[in-house]
């Protein structure tokens, strides 16, 4: 697997927005599916894949190293 490419600033903003919406969902129990879908629907296929990879990487960084 190749090293992840640096995202364009507009895609970095989309990733940050999606992560913020997910945090809002987790912390405030607020439904954010529609807002996330609206952000992602504006992307073409290549940009959507890049954002998906960045979101997966960010989610993996938040996981604990071990499970109890």
C-alpha atoms as a PDB file:
ATOM      1  CA  UNK A   1       0.000   0.000   0.000  1.00  0.00           C
ATOM      2  CA  UNK A   2       1.380   3.399  -0.926  1.00  0.00           C
ATOM      3  CA  UNK A   3       1.837   6.311   1.433  1.00  0.00           C
ATOM      4  CA  UNK A   4      -1.218   8.565   1.748  1.00  0.00           C
ATOM      5  CA  UNK A   5      -1.177  11.644  -0.441  1.00  0.00           C
ATOM      6  CA  UNK A   6      -1.583  15.108   1.037  1.00  0.00           C
ATOM      7  CA  UNK A   7      -5.175  16.265   0.582  1.00  0.00           C
ATOM      8  CA  UNK A   8      -6.048  19.532  -1.090  1.00  0.00           C
ATOM      9  CA  UNK A   9      -7.152  22.254   1.355  1.00  0.00           C
ATOM     10  CA  UNK A  10     -10.798  22.001   0.274  1.00  0.00           C
ATOM     11  CA  UNK A  11     -10.792  18.248   0.899  1.00  0.00           C
ATOM     12  CA  UNK A  12      -9.060  18.718   4.255  1.00  0.00           C
ATOM     13  CA  UNK A  13     -11.904  21.045   5.185  1.00  0.00           C
ATOM     14  CA  UNK A  14     -14.475  18.404   4.199  1.00  0.00           C
ATOM     15  CA  UNK A  15     -12.681  15.810   6.339  1.00  0.00           C
ATOM     16  CA  UNK A  16     -12.575  18.210   9.283  1.00  0.00           C
ATOM     17  CA  UNK A  17     -16.274  19.018   8.859  1.00  0.00           C
ATOM     18  CA  UNK A  18     -17.257  15.335   8.737  1.00  0.00           C
ATOM     19  CA  UNK A  19     -15.179  14.564  11.834  1.00  0.00           C
ATOM     20  CA  UNK A  20     -16.788  17.500  13.641  1.00  0.00           C
ATOM     21  CA  UNK A  21     -20.248  16.261  12.699  1.00  0.00           C
ATOM     22  CA  UNK A  22     -19.378  12.763  13.927  1.00  0.00           C
ATOM     23  CA  UNK A  23     -18.174  14.241  17.223  1.00  0.00           C
ATOM     24  CA  UNK A  24     -21.427  16.178  17.536  1.00  0.00           C
ATOM     25  CA  UNK A  25     -23.327  12.953  16.980  1.00  0.00           C
ATOM     26  CA  UNK A  26     -21.281  11.164  19.637  1.00  0.00           C
ATOM     27  CA  UNK A  27     -21.267  13.916  22.257  1.00  0.00           C
ATOM     28  CA  UNK A  28     -24.681  15.468  21.819  1.00  0.00           C
ATOM     29  CA  UNK A  29     -26.655  12.546  20.332  1.00  0.00           C
ATOM     30  CA  UNK A  30     -27.528  14.758  17.386  1.00  0.00           C
ATOM     31  CA  UNK A  31     -28.381  13.136  14.042  1.00  0.00           C
ATOM     32  CA  UNK A  32     -25.903  14.319  11.408  1.00  0.00           C
ATOM     33  CA  UNK A  33     -26.370  11.821   8.557  1.00  0.00           C
ATOM     34  CA  UNK A  34     -28.063  14.321   6.254  1.00  0.00           C
ATOM     35  CA  UNK A  35     -25.411  16.997   6.794  1.00  0.00           C
ATOM     36  CA  UNK A  36     -22.630  14.485   6.158  1.00  0.00           C
ATOM     37  CA  UNK A  37     -24.348  13.235   3.008  1.00  0.00           C
ATOM     38  CA  UNK A  38     -24.728  16.801   1.696  1.00  0.00           C
ATOM     39  CA  UNK A  39     -21.021  17.481   2.177  1.00  0.00           C
ATOM     40  CA  UNK A  40     -19.999  14.231   0.499  1.00  0.00           C
ATOM     41  CA  UNK A  41     -22.466  14.527  -2.386  1.00  0.00           C
ATOM     42  CA  UNK A  42     -20.587  17.564  -3.729  1.00  0.00           C
ATOM     43  CA  UNK A  43     -17.438  15.490  -4.383  1.00  0.00           C
ATOM     44  CA  UNK A  44     -16.493  13.564  -7.502  1.00  0.00           C
ATOM     45  CA  UNK A  45     -15.514   9.892  -7.251  1.00  0.00           C
ATOM     46  CA  UNK A  46     -11.757  10.461  -6.880  1.00  0.00           C
ATOM     47  CA  UNK A  47     -12.192  13.144  -4.226  1.00  0.00           C
ATOM     48  CA  UNK A  48     -14.748  11.013  -2.388  1.00  0.00           C
ATOM     49  CA  UNK A  49     -12.275   8.121  -2.265  1.00  0.00           C
ATOM     50  CA  UNK A  50      -9.516  10.402  -0.964  1.00  0.00           C
ATOM     51  CA  UNK A  51     -11.810  11.774   1.737  1.00  0.00           C
ATOM     52  CA  UNK A  52     -12.919   8.244   2.682  1.00  0.00           C
ATOM     53  CA  UNK A  53      -9.283   7.168   3.107  1.00  0.00           C
ATOM     54  CA  UNK A  54      -8.531  10.222   5.244  1.00  0.00           C
ATOM     55  CA  UNK A  55     -11.610   9.600   7.402  1.00  0.00           C
ATOM     56  CA  UNK A  56     -10.641   5.946   7.894  1.00  0.00           C
ATOM     57  CA  UNK A  57      -7.125   6.979   8.885  1.00  0.00           C
ATOM     58  CA  UNK A  58      -8.484   9.527  11.367  1.00  0.00           C
ATOM     59  CA  UNK A  59     -10.879   6.963  12.857  1.00  0.00           C
ATOM     60  CA  UNK A  60      -8.064   4.423  13.220  1.00  0.00           C
ATOM     61  CA  UNK A  61      -5.945   6.974  15.096  1.00  0.00           C
ATOM     62  CA  UNK A  62      -8.754   7.400  17.640  1.00  0.00           C
ATOM     63  CA  UNK A  63      -8.989   3.648  18.395  1.00  0.00           C
ATOM     64  CA  UNK A  64      -7.199   2.375  21.479  1.00  0.00           C
ATOM     65  CA  UNK A  65      -4.058   0.346  20.960  1.00  0.00           C
ATOM     66  CA  UNK A  66      -5.431  -2.540  22.998  1.00  0.00           C
ATOM     67  CA  UNK A  67      -8.845  -3.939  23.835  1.00  0.00           C
ATOM     68  CA  UNK A  68      -9.855  -4.827  27.357  1.00  0.00           C
END
